[in-house]
Amino acid sequence: MADTIQLRDENGLTEEEFLSQYSSEGYPKPSLTADILIFRKTGDDIHLLMIRRKGHPFMGCLALPGGFAEPGETIEMSAGRELQEETNLIGQELKLTGIYSRPGRDPRGWTVSAAFATVVDGDKLRPEAGDDAASIHWVPIVRGEDGSFRPKTDEGLAFDHSEIIEDAARIMLG
């Protein structure tokens, strides 16, 4: 059996040797989160499932269900887990609709969010508030004269959720 050739870098290290010496401490890392959009269509009416935040930051504000990824999870697993924890909904087929990484989007620090969305028909879902959600709301979505989508509420939304809603609605609702 022939010996396999081990590639060496410019410092003479094999990959195994390189990795044994490597430290990621010199590279700051963002927190990874998932935001979930559940659009409900009933006839011509469209609503979006939102929570009222139980804690800081943005305590008391309307927000999308979501939260931080945990070690060992894919971001898709995080989205499903967070949706279940905050709304008691499971088994939703979610589509990736955007990645949000603008500096300062979360006052807790550097956070990158993957947004996932789905559209459901009628009143089949029965969400219940849990975990970080003080309450749950089906908020009407309206389309502006310019074609943009927005929640019909006078309240400000948490984080950059207005932008996430606009982008996901354009993708999911056309």
N, C-alpha and C. Protein backbone atom coordinates (compact mmCIF):
# COMPACT_ATOMS: atom_id res chain seq x y z
N MET A 1 0.84 -1.17 0.00
CA MET A 1 0.00 0.00 0.00
C MET A 1 0.89 1.24 0.00
N ALA A 2 0.63 2.13 -0.88
CA ALA A 2 1.45 3.33 -1.02
C ALA A 2 1.13 4.31 0.10
N ASP A 3 2.17 5.00 0.57
CA ASP A 3 1.97 6.05 1.57
C ASP A 3 1.27 7.23 0.92
N THR A 4 0.35 7.86 1.68
CA THR A 4 -0.29 9.06 1.15
C THR A 4 0.62 10.25 1.38
N ILE A 5 0.62 11.14 0.45
CA ILE A 5 1.45 12.34 0.55
C ILE A 5 0.69 13.37 1.38
N GLN A 6 1.36 13.88 2.40
CA GLN A 6 0.75 14.91 3.22
C GLN A 6 1.21 16.27 2.71
N LEU A 7 0.24 17.09 2.38
CA LEU A 7 0.57 18.44 1.90
C LEU A 7 1.05 19.29 3.06
N ARG A 8 2.04 20.10 2.77
CA ARG A 8 2.59 20.99 3.80
C ARG A 8 2.47 22.44 3.31
N ASP A 9 2.16 23.32 4.25
CA ASP A 9 2.03 24.74 3.89
C ASP A 9 3.41 25.39 3.84
N GLU A 10 3.45 26.71 3.65
CA GLU A 10 4.73 27.42 3.53
C GLU A 10 5.58 27.35 4.78
N ASN A 11 4.95 26.99 5.93
CA ASN A 11 5.70 26.84 7.17
C ASN A 11 6.12 25.40 7.42
N GLY A 12 5.81 24.52 6.47
CA GLY A 12 6.19 23.12 6.58
C GLY A 12 5.22 22.29 7.40
N LEU A 13 4.03 22.84 7.68
CA LEU A 13 3.06 22.14 8.53
C LEU A 13 2.05 21.35 7.71
N THR A 14 1.72 20.16 8.21
CA THR A 14 0.59 19.43 7.65
C THR A 14 -0.69 20.07 8.19
N GLU A 15 -1.83 19.71 7.62
CA GLU A 15 -3.09 20.26 8.13
C GLU A 15 -3.31 19.89 9.59
N GLU A 16 -3.01 18.67 9.95
CA GLU A 16 -3.16 18.23 11.34
C GLU A 16 -2.29 19.07 12.27
N GLU A 17 -1.04 19.31 11.88
CA GLU A 17 -0.13 20.12 12.70
C GLU A 17 -0.62 21.56 12.79
N PHE A 18 -1.07 22.10 11.66
CA PHE A 18 -1.60 23.47 11.65
C PHE A 18 -2.78 23.59 12.60
N LEU A 19 -3.74 22.67 12.50
CA LEU A 19 -4.94 22.74 13.34
C LEU A 19 -4.63 22.56 14.82
N SER A 20 -3.61 21.77 15.15
CA SER A 20 -3.26 21.58 16.57
C SER A 20 -2.72 22.86 17.19
N GLN A 21 -2.20 23.79 16.37
CA GLN A 21 -1.64 25.04 16.87
C GLN A 21 -2.60 26.23 16.70
N TYR A 22 -3.67 26.02 15.94
CA TYR A 22 -4.56 27.12 15.57
C TYR A 22 -5.41 27.59 16.75
N SER A 23 -5.58 28.89 16.87
CA SER A 23 -6.47 29.48 17.87
C SER A 23 -7.37 30.49 17.18
N SER A 24 -8.66 30.37 17.41
CA SER A 24 -9.61 31.30 16.79
C SER A 24 -9.83 32.54 17.66
N GLU A 25 -9.15 32.65 18.78
CA GLU A 25 -9.35 33.77 19.70
C GLU A 25 -9.05 35.13 19.08
N GLY A 26 -8.23 35.17 18.07
CA GLY A 26 -7.90 36.44 17.43
C GLY A 26 -8.97 36.93 16.46
N TYR A 27 -10.01 36.16 16.29
CA TYR A 27 -11.07 36.52 15.35
C TYR A 27 -12.38 36.69 16.11
N PRO A 28 -12.84 37.92 16.30
CA PRO A 28 -14.11 38.13 16.99
C PRO A 28 -15.24 37.43 16.23
N LYS A 29 -16.24 36.95 16.98
CA LYS A 29 -17.33 36.21 16.37
C LYS A 29 -18.67 36.83 16.73
N PRO A 30 -19.57 36.85 15.75
CA PRO A 30 -20.92 37.35 16.07
C PRO A 30 -21.75 36.26 16.73
N SER A 31 -22.81 36.68 17.39
CA SER A 31 -23.83 35.73 17.83
C SER A 31 -24.71 35.45 16.62
N LEU A 32 -25.24 34.25 16.53
CA LEU A 32 -26.09 33.85 15.42
C LEU A 32 -27.51 33.66 15.94
N THR A 33 -28.47 34.29 15.25
CA THR A 33 -29.87 34.18 15.64
C THR A 33 -30.72 33.81 14.44
N ALA A 34 -31.94 33.38 14.75
CA ALA A 34 -32.94 33.10 13.72
C ALA A 34 -34.17 33.94 14.02
N ASP A 35 -34.75 34.52 12.99
CA ASP A 35 -36.03 35.23 13.09
C ASP A 35 -37.01 34.51 12.18
N ILE A 36 -38.24 34.31 12.66
CA ILE A 36 -39.21 33.52 11.93
C ILE A 36 -40.45 34.34 11.62
N LEU A 37 -40.89 34.25 10.36
CA LEU A 37 -42.08 34.96 9.91
C LEU A 37 -43.13 33.94 9.47
N ILE A 38 -44.27 33.97 10.13
CA ILE A 38 -45.40 33.12 9.75
C ILE A 38 -46.49 34.05 9.23
N PHE A 39 -46.66 34.07 7.91
CA PHE A 39 -47.71 34.86 7.28
C PHE A 39 -48.96 33.98 7.17
N ARG A 40 -50.11 34.54 7.54
CA ARG A 40 -51.38 33.83 7.45
C ARG A 40 -52.26 34.52 6.43
N LYS A 41 -52.72 33.76 5.43
CA LYS A 41 -53.61 34.31 4.41
C LYS A 41 -55.02 33.76 4.64
N THR A 42 -55.97 34.67 4.73
CA THR A 42 -57.37 34.32 4.82
C THR A 42 -58.09 35.18 3.79
N GLY A 43 -58.46 34.59 2.68
CA GLY A 43 -59.01 35.38 1.58
C GLY A 43 -57.97 36.36 1.10
N ASP A 44 -58.34 37.64 1.07
CA ASP A 44 -57.39 38.69 0.67
C ASP A 44 -56.61 39.26 1.85
N ASP A 45 -56.96 38.85 3.07
CA ASP A 45 -56.30 39.38 4.26
C ASP A 45 -55.01 38.62 4.55
N ILE A 46 -54.00 39.36 4.96
CA ILE A 46 -52.71 38.79 5.34
C ILE A 46 -52.37 39.28 6.74
N HIS A 47 -51.98 38.35 7.60
CA HIS A 47 -51.54 38.68 8.96
C HIS A 47 -50.16 38.06 9.19
N LEU A 48 -49.42 38.63 10.11
CA LEU A 48 -48.10 38.13 10.49
C LEU A 48 -48.11 37.81 11.98
N LEU A 49 -47.61 36.64 12.32
CA LEU A 49 -47.51 36.24 13.71
C LEU A 49 -46.36 36.99 14.37
N MET A 50 -46.67 37.74 15.42
CA MET A 50 -45.64 38.48 16.15
C MET A 50 -45.82 38.23 17.64
N ILE A 51 -44.75 38.43 18.37
CA ILE A 51 -44.80 38.31 19.82
C ILE A 51 -44.60 39.69 20.44
N ARG A 52 -45.02 39.82 21.68
CA ARG A 52 -44.67 40.99 22.47
C ARG A 52 -43.57 40.52 23.41
N ARG A 53 -42.41 41.22 23.34
CA ARG A 53 -41.23 40.78 24.09
C ARG A 53 -41.44 40.91 25.60
N LYS A 54 -41.06 39.84 26.29
CA LYS A 54 -41.22 39.78 27.74
C LYS A 54 -40.07 40.47 28.47
N GLY A 55 -38.90 40.52 27.85
CA GLY A 55 -37.72 41.07 28.53
C GLY A 55 -36.94 42.04 27.67
N HIS A 56 -35.85 42.55 28.24
CA HIS A 56 -34.97 43.48 27.53
C HIS A 56 -34.13 42.72 26.52
N PRO A 57 -33.63 43.31 25.47
CA PRO A 57 -33.95 44.67 25.04
C PRO A 57 -35.30 44.71 24.32
N PHE A 58 -35.81 45.91 24.15
CA PHE A 58 -37.09 46.16 23.50
C PHE A 58 -38.26 45.51 24.25
N MET A 59 -38.18 45.46 25.57
CA MET A 59 -39.25 44.89 26.38
C MET A 59 -40.58 45.57 26.05
N GLY A 60 -41.60 44.77 25.83
CA GLY A 60 -42.93 45.27 25.54
C GLY A 60 -43.19 45.58 24.07
N CYS A 61 -42.16 45.53 23.24
CA CYS A 61 -42.32 45.82 21.81
C CYS A 61 -42.76 44.57 21.05
N LEU A 62 -43.40 44.81 19.92
CA LEU A 62 -43.70 43.72 19.00
C LEU A 62 -42.41 43.29 18.30
N ALA A 63 -42.29 41.98 18.09
CA ALA A 63 -41.09 41.41 17.47
C ALA A 63 -41.47 40.12 16.76
N LEU A 64 -40.58 39.69 15.91
CA LEU A 64 -40.73 38.37 15.30
C LEU A 64 -40.30 37.31 16.30
N PRO A 65 -40.93 36.14 16.28
CA PRO A 65 -40.41 35.05 17.12
C PRO A 65 -38.99 34.72 16.66
N GLY A 66 -38.15 34.34 17.58
CA GLY A 66 -36.79 33.97 17.21
C GLY A 66 -35.86 34.03 18.39
N GLY A 67 -34.59 33.74 18.14
CA GLY A 67 -33.62 33.79 19.21
C GLY A 67 -32.29 33.21 18.77
N PHE A 68 -31.44 32.99 19.75
CA PHE A 68 -30.05 32.60 19.53
C PHE A 68 -29.91 31.12 19.19
N ALA A 69 -29.00 30.84 18.26
CA ALA A 69 -28.62 29.47 17.94
C ALA A 69 -27.82 28.91 19.12
N GLU A 70 -27.97 27.61 19.32
CA GLU A 70 -27.21 26.93 20.37
C GLU A 70 -26.12 26.08 19.74
N PRO A 71 -25.03 25.83 20.49
CA PRO A 71 -23.97 24.99 19.95
C PRO A 71 -24.53 23.63 19.51
N GLY A 72 -24.05 23.16 18.37
CA GLY A 72 -24.48 21.87 17.86
C GLY A 72 -25.73 21.91 17.01
N GLU A 73 -26.34 23.08 16.86
CA GLU A 73 -27.54 23.22 16.03
C GLU A 73 -27.19 23.84 14.69
N THR A 74 -27.90 23.44 13.66
CA THR A 74 -27.88 24.21 12.43
C THR A 74 -28.80 25.40 12.66
N ILE A 75 -28.69 26.43 11.84
CA ILE A 75 -29.57 27.59 12.00
C ILE A 75 -31.02 27.21 11.70
N GLU A 76 -31.23 26.23 10.82
CA GLU A 76 -32.58 25.75 10.56
C GLU A 76 -33.18 25.08 11.80
N MET A 77 -32.35 24.31 12.51
CA MET A 77 -32.82 23.69 13.77
C MET A 77 -33.14 24.77 14.80
N SER A 78 -32.30 25.80 14.86
CA SER A 78 -32.54 26.90 15.81
C SER A 78 -33.88 27.57 15.52
N ALA A 79 -34.16 27.81 14.23
CA ALA A 79 -35.43 28.46 13.86
C ALA A 79 -36.62 27.63 14.32
N GLY A 80 -36.57 26.32 14.07
CA GLY A 80 -37.68 25.46 14.50
C GLY A 80 -37.83 25.42 16.01
N ARG A 81 -36.70 25.33 16.72
CA ARG A 81 -36.74 25.29 18.19
C ARG A 81 -37.28 26.59 18.75
N GLU A 82 -36.78 27.73 18.26
CA GLU A 82 -37.24 29.02 18.77
C GLU A 82 -38.73 29.24 18.47
N LEU A 83 -39.18 28.84 17.29
CA LEU A 83 -40.60 28.98 16.96
C LEU A 83 -41.44 28.16 17.93
N GLN A 84 -41.01 26.95 18.22
CA GLN A 84 -41.75 26.11 19.16
C GLN A 84 -41.72 26.71 20.57
N GLU A 85 -40.54 27.16 21.03
CA GLU A 85 -40.44 27.70 22.38
C GLU A 85 -41.30 28.95 22.57
N GLU A 86 -41.36 29.82 21.57
CA GLU A 86 -42.06 31.09 21.74
C GLU A 86 -43.53 31.05 21.32
N THR A 87 -43.90 30.09 20.46
CA THR A 87 -45.28 30.09 19.93
C THR A 87 -45.98 28.74 20.04
N ASN A 88 -45.27 27.70 20.44
CA ASN A 88 -45.80 26.35 20.52
C ASN A 88 -46.16 25.76 19.15
N LEU A 89 -45.61 26.33 18.08
CA LEU A 89 -45.86 25.81 16.75
C LEU A 89 -44.70 24.90 16.34
N ILE A 90 -45.03 23.76 15.75
CA ILE A 90 -44.00 22.83 15.30
C ILE A 90 -44.31 22.38 13.88
N GLY A 91 -43.27 21.92 13.19
CA GLY A 91 -43.45 21.31 11.89
C GLY A 91 -43.72 22.26 10.74
N GLN A 92 -43.42 23.54 10.90
CA GLN A 92 -43.63 24.49 9.81
C GLN A 92 -42.50 24.37 8.80
N GLU A 93 -42.83 24.37 7.53
CA GLU A 93 -41.81 24.34 6.48
C GLU A 93 -41.34 25.77 6.25
N LEU A 94 -40.12 26.06 6.66
CA LEU A 94 -39.59 27.42 6.64
C LEU A 94 -38.59 27.60 5.50
N LYS A 95 -38.67 28.75 4.85
CA LYS A 95 -37.77 29.09 3.74
C LYS A 95 -36.87 30.24 4.17
N LEU A 96 -35.58 30.11 3.91
CA LEU A 96 -34.63 31.18 4.19
C LEU A 96 -34.96 32.37 3.30
N THR A 97 -35.17 33.55 3.90
CA THR A 97 -35.51 34.74 3.12
C THR A 97 -34.48 35.86 3.23
N GLY A 98 -33.51 35.74 4.11
CA GLY A 98 -32.49 36.78 4.19
C GLY A 98 -31.54 36.59 5.36
N ILE A 99 -30.39 37.26 5.25
CA ILE A 99 -29.39 37.31 6.32
C ILE A 99 -29.21 38.78 6.68
N TYR A 100 -29.22 39.07 7.98
CA TYR A 100 -29.16 40.46 8.46
C TYR A 100 -27.97 40.61 9.39
N SER A 101 -27.07 41.54 9.02
CA SER A 101 -25.82 41.66 9.76
C SER A 101 -25.37 43.10 9.97
N ARG A 102 -26.27 44.06 9.76
CA ARG A 102 -25.89 45.47 9.91
C ARG A 102 -25.35 45.72 11.31
N PRO A 103 -24.17 46.31 11.43
CA PRO A 103 -23.64 46.63 12.76
C PRO A 103 -24.64 47.49 13.55
N GLY A 104 -24.82 47.14 14.82
CA GLY A 104 -25.73 47.89 15.68
C GLY A 104 -27.17 47.42 15.61
N ARG A 105 -27.48 46.39 14.83
CA ARG A 105 -28.87 45.95 14.70
C ARG A 105 -29.42 45.39 16.01
N ASP A 106 -28.54 44.97 16.90
CA ASP A 106 -28.93 44.43 18.20
C ASP A 106 -28.09 45.14 19.26
N PRO A 107 -28.73 45.80 20.23
CA PRO A 107 -27.95 46.54 21.23
C PRO A 107 -27.11 45.64 22.14
N ARG A 108 -27.32 44.33 22.11
CA ARG A 108 -26.54 43.42 22.94
C ARG A 108 -25.17 43.13 22.36
N GLY A 109 -24.95 43.50 21.09
CA GLY A 109 -23.66 43.24 20.47
C GLY A 109 -23.80 42.76 19.04
N TRP A 110 -22.68 42.30 18.49
CA TRP A 110 -22.60 41.88 17.10
C TRP A 110 -23.45 40.62 16.89
N THR A 111 -24.53 40.76 16.15
CA THR A 111 -25.48 39.68 15.94
C THR A 111 -25.84 39.57 14.47
N VAL A 112 -25.78 38.37 13.96
CA VAL A 112 -26.18 38.08 12.58
C VAL A 112 -27.41 37.19 12.66
N SER A 113 -28.46 37.56 11.92
CA SER A 113 -29.69 36.78 11.95
C SER A 113 -30.03 36.22 10.58
N ALA A 114 -30.50 34.97 10.59
CA ALA A 114 -31.06 34.34 9.40
C ALA A 114 -32.57 34.38 9.56
N ALA A 115 -33.25 34.94 8.57
CA ALA A 115 -34.71 35.04 8.61
C ALA A 115 -35.32 33.91 7.78
N PHE A 116 -36.34 33.28 8.35
CA PHE A 116 -37.06 32.18 7.71
C PHE A 116 -38.54 32.52 7.70
N ALA A 117 -39.23 32.12 6.62
CA ALA A 117 -40.65 32.47 6.50
C ALA A 117 -41.45 31.33 5.90
N THR A 118 -42.75 31.39 6.15
CA THR A 118 -43.71 30.50 5.52
C THR A 118 -45.03 31.23 5.41
N VAL A 119 -45.88 30.74 4.53
CA VAL A 119 -47.23 31.27 4.37
C VAL A 119 -48.18 30.12 4.65
N VAL A 120 -49.14 30.36 5.55
CA VAL A 120 -50.14 29.34 5.87
C VAL A 120 -51.52 29.86 5.48
N ASP A 121 -52.42 28.96 5.17
CA ASP A 121 -53.77 29.33 4.80
C ASP A 121 -54.69 29.30 6.01
N GLY A 122 -55.58 30.29 6.07
CA GLY A 122 -56.66 30.29 7.05
C GLY A 122 -56.24 30.35 8.49
N ASP A 123 -57.13 29.83 9.32
CA ASP A 123 -56.97 29.92 10.78
C ASP A 123 -56.61 28.59 11.40
N LYS A 124 -55.80 27.79 10.73
CA LYS A 124 -55.48 26.45 11.21
C LYS A 124 -54.53 26.45 12.40
N LEU A 125 -53.67 27.44 12.50
CA LEU A 125 -52.66 27.46 13.57
C LEU A 125 -53.24 28.04 14.85
N ARG A 126 -52.83 27.47 15.97
CA ARG A 126 -53.24 27.96 17.28
C ARG A 126 -52.00 28.23 18.13
N PRO A 127 -51.29 29.33 17.84
CA PRO A 127 -50.07 29.62 18.60
C PRO A 127 -50.39 30.01 20.04
N GLU A 128 -49.43 29.74 20.91
CA GLU A 128 -49.54 30.10 22.33
C GLU A 128 -48.22 30.74 22.75
N ALA A 129 -48.29 31.82 23.52
CA ALA A 129 -47.08 32.51 23.98
C ALA A 129 -46.31 31.64 24.96
N GLY A 130 -44.98 31.64 24.80
CA GLY A 130 -44.11 30.91 25.71
C GLY A 130 -42.72 31.52 25.70
N ASP A 131 -41.87 31.07 26.61
CA ASP A 131 -40.47 31.48 26.70
C ASP A 131 -40.35 33.00 26.77
N ASP A 132 -39.76 33.65 25.74
CA ASP A 132 -39.52 35.09 25.75
C ASP A 132 -40.74 35.91 25.31
N ALA A 133 -41.84 35.25 24.97
CA ALA A 133 -43.03 35.95 24.47
C ALA A 133 -44.01 36.20 25.60
N ALA A 134 -44.29 37.48 25.86
CA ALA A 134 -45.31 37.83 26.85
C ALA A 134 -46.70 37.55 26.29
N SER A 135 -46.87 37.77 24.99
CA SER A 135 -48.15 37.51 24.32
C SER A 135 -47.89 37.32 22.83
N ILE A 136 -48.92 36.85 22.15
CA ILE A 136 -48.85 36.55 20.71
C ILE A 136 -49.93 37.35 20.00
N HIS A 137 -49.60 37.82 18.80
CA HIS A 137 -50.55 38.65 18.04
C HIS A 137 -50.48 38.33 16.55
N TRP A 138 -51.63 38.28 15.90
CA TRP A 138 -51.70 38.23 14.45
C TRP A 138 -51.88 39.66 13.99
N VAL A 139 -50.84 40.25 13.45
CA VAL A 139 -50.82 41.66 13.05
C VAL A 139 -51.13 41.76 11.56
N PRO A 140 -52.11 42.59 11.18
CA PRO A 140 -52.41 42.74 9.75
C PRO A 140 -51.20 43.30 8.99
N ILE A 141 -51.01 42.80 7.78
CA ILE A 141 -49.96 43.30 6.89
C ILE A 141 -50.66 44.06 5.76
N VAL A 142 -50.18 45.27 5.51
CA VAL A 142 -50.77 46.09 4.45
C VAL A 142 -49.71 46.37 3.39
N ARG A 143 -50.20 46.57 2.18
CA ARG A 143 -49.31 46.89 1.07
C ARG A 143 -49.47 48.36 0.75
N GLY A 144 -48.36 49.08 0.73
CA GLY A 144 -48.38 50.51 0.44
C GLY A 144 -48.53 50.76 -1.05
N GLU A 145 -48.80 52.00 -1.38
CA GLU A 145 -48.93 52.39 -2.79
C GLU A 145 -47.65 52.13 -3.57
N ASP A 146 -46.51 52.15 -2.87
CA ASP A 146 -45.23 51.89 -3.53
C ASP A 146 -44.93 50.40 -3.65
N GLY A 147 -45.87 49.55 -3.21
CA GLY A 147 -45.69 48.10 -3.30
C GLY A 147 -45.03 47.49 -2.08
N SER A 148 -44.62 48.31 -1.12
CA SER A 148 -43.96 47.79 0.07
C SER A 148 -44.99 47.17 1.02
N PHE A 149 -44.52 46.26 1.86
CA PHE A 149 -45.36 45.62 2.87
C PHE A 149 -44.93 46.12 4.24
N ARG A 150 -45.92 46.27 5.13
CA ARG A 150 -45.60 46.67 6.49
C ARG A 150 -46.71 46.22 7.43
N PRO A 151 -46.37 46.00 8.68
CA PRO A 151 -47.40 45.66 9.66
C PRO A 151 -48.29 46.88 9.92
N LYS A 152 -49.58 46.66 10.05
CA LYS A 152 -50.51 47.75 10.34
C LYS A 152 -50.56 47.93 11.85
N THR A 153 -49.63 48.75 12.33
CA THR A 153 -49.54 49.06 13.75
C THR A 153 -48.87 50.41 13.90
N ASP A 154 -49.24 51.11 14.94
CA ASP A 154 -48.60 52.40 15.24
C ASP A 154 -47.37 52.22 16.12
N GLU A 155 -47.15 51.01 16.56
CA GLU A 155 -46.01 50.73 17.44
C GLU A 155 -44.74 50.55 16.63
N GLY A 156 -43.64 50.94 17.24
CA GLY A 156 -42.35 50.61 16.65
C GLY A 156 -42.04 49.15 16.91
N LEU A 157 -41.30 48.54 16.03
CA LEU A 157 -40.95 47.14 16.18
C LEU A 157 -39.54 46.99 16.74
N ALA A 158 -39.29 45.87 17.36
CA ALA A 158 -37.98 45.59 17.94
C ALA A 158 -36.93 45.38 16.83
N PHE A 159 -35.70 45.66 17.18
CA PHE A 159 -34.53 45.40 16.32
C PHE A 159 -34.75 46.01 14.93
N ASP A 160 -34.38 45.25 13.89
CA ASP A 160 -34.57 45.69 12.51
C ASP A 160 -35.70 44.88 11.85
N HIS A 161 -36.69 44.51 12.66
CA HIS A 161 -37.73 43.62 12.18
C HIS A 161 -38.61 44.23 11.09
N SER A 162 -38.72 45.54 11.02
CA SER A 162 -39.46 46.17 9.91
C SER A 162 -38.80 45.82 8.58
N GLU A 163 -37.48 45.90 8.52
CA GLU A 163 -36.73 45.57 7.31
C GLU A 163 -36.88 44.09 6.96
N ILE A 164 -36.79 43.23 7.96
CA ILE A 164 -36.92 41.79 7.73
C ILE A 164 -38.31 41.46 7.20
N ILE A 165 -39.33 42.09 7.78
CA ILE A 165 -40.71 41.85 7.33
C ILE A 165 -40.89 42.29 5.88
N GLU A 166 -40.39 43.46 5.55
CA GLU A 166 -40.51 43.96 4.18
C GLU A 166 -39.85 43.00 3.19
N ASP A 167 -38.64 42.57 3.48
CA ASP A 167 -37.93 41.67 2.58
C ASP A 167 -38.64 40.32 2.44
N ALA A 168 -39.03 39.71 3.57
CA ALA A 168 -39.68 38.40 3.53
C ALA A 168 -41.04 38.46 2.86
N ALA A 169 -41.79 39.53 3.10
CA ALA A 169 -43.12 39.68 2.47
C ALA A 169 -42.98 39.79 0.96
N ARG A 170 -41.98 40.53 0.51
CA ARG A 170 -41.77 40.68 -0.93
C ARG A 170 -41.47 39.32 -1.56
N ILE A 171 -40.69 38.50 -0.87
CA ILE A 171 -40.34 37.16 -1.38
C ILE A 171 -41.52 36.21 -1.29
N MET A 172 -42.20 36.19 -0.16
CA MET A 172 -43.23 35.19 0.08
C MET A 172 -44.60 35.57 -0.47
N LEU A 173 -44.88 36.88 -0.55
CA LEU A 173 -46.22 37.33 -0.94
C LEU A 173 -46.24 37.99 -2.31
N GLY A 174 -45.05 38.29 -2.84
CA GLY A 174 -44.95 38.88 -4.18
C GLY A 174 -45.28 40.31 -4.17
